[in-house]
Amino acid sequence: MELRVTLPLRPEAPSRARAVIGEELGTLSAKVREDATLLVSELITNAVRHAPASERAEVELRIRNEAGRVRVVVADPGVG
């Protein structure tokens, strides 16, 4: 399963990303969900705070859950 969600670079983006994690990883252990939620919240918060203003003022969250592994990718319009 892979999910892609695009969120506007706004202060509410981390909250929405946490909700997505809860919805998409609900069948996994509480520890895995907690770790993924913290990770995503921090990455999205950093993107909101530090990504440069641009025409594409969005952050993309990708979640892949398969074969006992979870992969999370956060991409913003910054160059770093």
Protein backbone atom coordinates (compact mmCIF):
# COMPACT_ATOMS: atom_id res chain seq x y z
CA MET A 1 0.00 0.00 0.00
CA GLU A 2 1.33 3.44 -0.90
CA LEU A 3 -0.39 6.70 -0.17
CA ARG A 4 0.56 10.21 -1.35
CA VAL A 5 -0.91 13.26 0.32
CA THR A 6 -0.14 16.85 -0.60
CA LEU A 7 -0.58 19.44 2.14
CA PRO A 8 -0.30 23.22 1.95
CA LEU A 9 2.72 24.63 3.79
CA ARG A 10 0.61 26.07 6.57
CA PRO A 11 0.70 25.74 10.38
CA GLU A 12 -2.07 23.12 10.36
CA ALA A 13 -0.12 20.76 8.06
CA PRO A 14 1.54 18.77 10.90
CA SER A 15 -1.82 18.11 12.52
CA ARG A 16 -3.29 16.88 9.25
CA ALA A 17 -0.25 14.69 8.64
CA ARG A 18 -0.63 13.10 12.11
CA ALA A 19 -4.26 12.33 11.29
CA VAL A 20 -3.22 10.68 8.03
CA ILE A 21 -0.72 8.48 9.87
CA GLY A 22 -3.40 7.42 12.35
CA GLU A 23 -5.81 6.57 9.53
CA GLU A 24 -3.36 4.74 7.31
CA LEU A 25 -1.31 2.85 9.91
CA GLY A 26 -4.15 1.98 12.26
CA THR A 27 -3.53 -1.76 11.96
CA LEU A 28 0.10 -1.55 13.08
CA SER A 29 1.36 -1.73 16.66
CA ALA A 30 0.95 1.30 18.89
CA LYS A 31 4.75 1.72 19.07
CA VAL A 32 5.15 1.84 15.28
CA ARG A 33 2.27 4.32 14.96
CA GLU A 34 3.74 6.51 17.71
CA ASP A 35 7.18 6.52 16.07
CA ALA A 36 5.75 7.25 12.62
CA THR A 37 3.51 10.00 14.01
CA LEU A 38 6.42 11.72 15.77
CA LEU A 39 8.66 11.40 12.72
CA VAL A 40 6.08 12.82 10.34
CA SER A 41 5.08 15.60 12.71
CA GLU A 42 8.69 16.77 13.08
CA LEU A 43 9.45 16.57 9.35
CA ILE A 44 6.29 18.40 8.31
CA THR A 45 6.85 21.04 11.02
CA ASN A 46 10.39 21.62 9.71
CA ALA A 47 9.09 21.96 6.17
CA VAL A 48 6.47 24.50 7.27
CA ARG A 49 9.07 26.51 9.17
CA HIS A 50 12.00 26.37 6.77
CA ALA A 51 10.83 25.70 3.22
CA PRO A 52 11.16 28.75 1.00
CA ALA A 53 8.11 30.50 -0.30
CA SER A 54 7.48 29.37 -3.84
CA GLU A 55 4.78 28.81 -6.39
CA ARG A 56 4.53 25.25 -5.07
CA ALA A 57 3.96 26.04 -1.39
CA GLU A 58 3.13 22.43 -0.56
CA VAL A 59 4.66 19.49 1.20
CA GLU A 60 4.16 15.93 0.03
CA LEU A 61 3.79 13.02 2.44
CA ARG A 62 4.28 9.53 1.05
CA ILE A 63 3.61 6.45 3.15
CA ARG A 64 4.39 2.90 2.04
CA ASN A 65 3.29 0.04 4.27
CA GLU A 66 4.21 -3.41 3.00
CA ALA A 67 5.86 -6.64 4.07
CA GLY A 68 6.24 -5.58 7.70
CA ARG A 69 7.97 -2.30 6.84
CA VAL A 70 6.82 1.29 6.86
CA ARG A 71 8.52 3.93 4.73
CA VAL A 72 7.71 7.60 5.14
CA VAL A 73 8.94 10.32 2.78
CA VAL A 74 8.38 14.04 3.21
CA ALA A 75 9.28 16.35 0.31
CA ASP A 76 9.07 20.14 0.26
CA PRO A 77 10.03 22.72 -2.38
CA GLY A 78 13.37 23.47 -0.71
CA VAL A 79 16.71 22.55 -2.30
CA GLY A 80 18.21 20.88 0.79
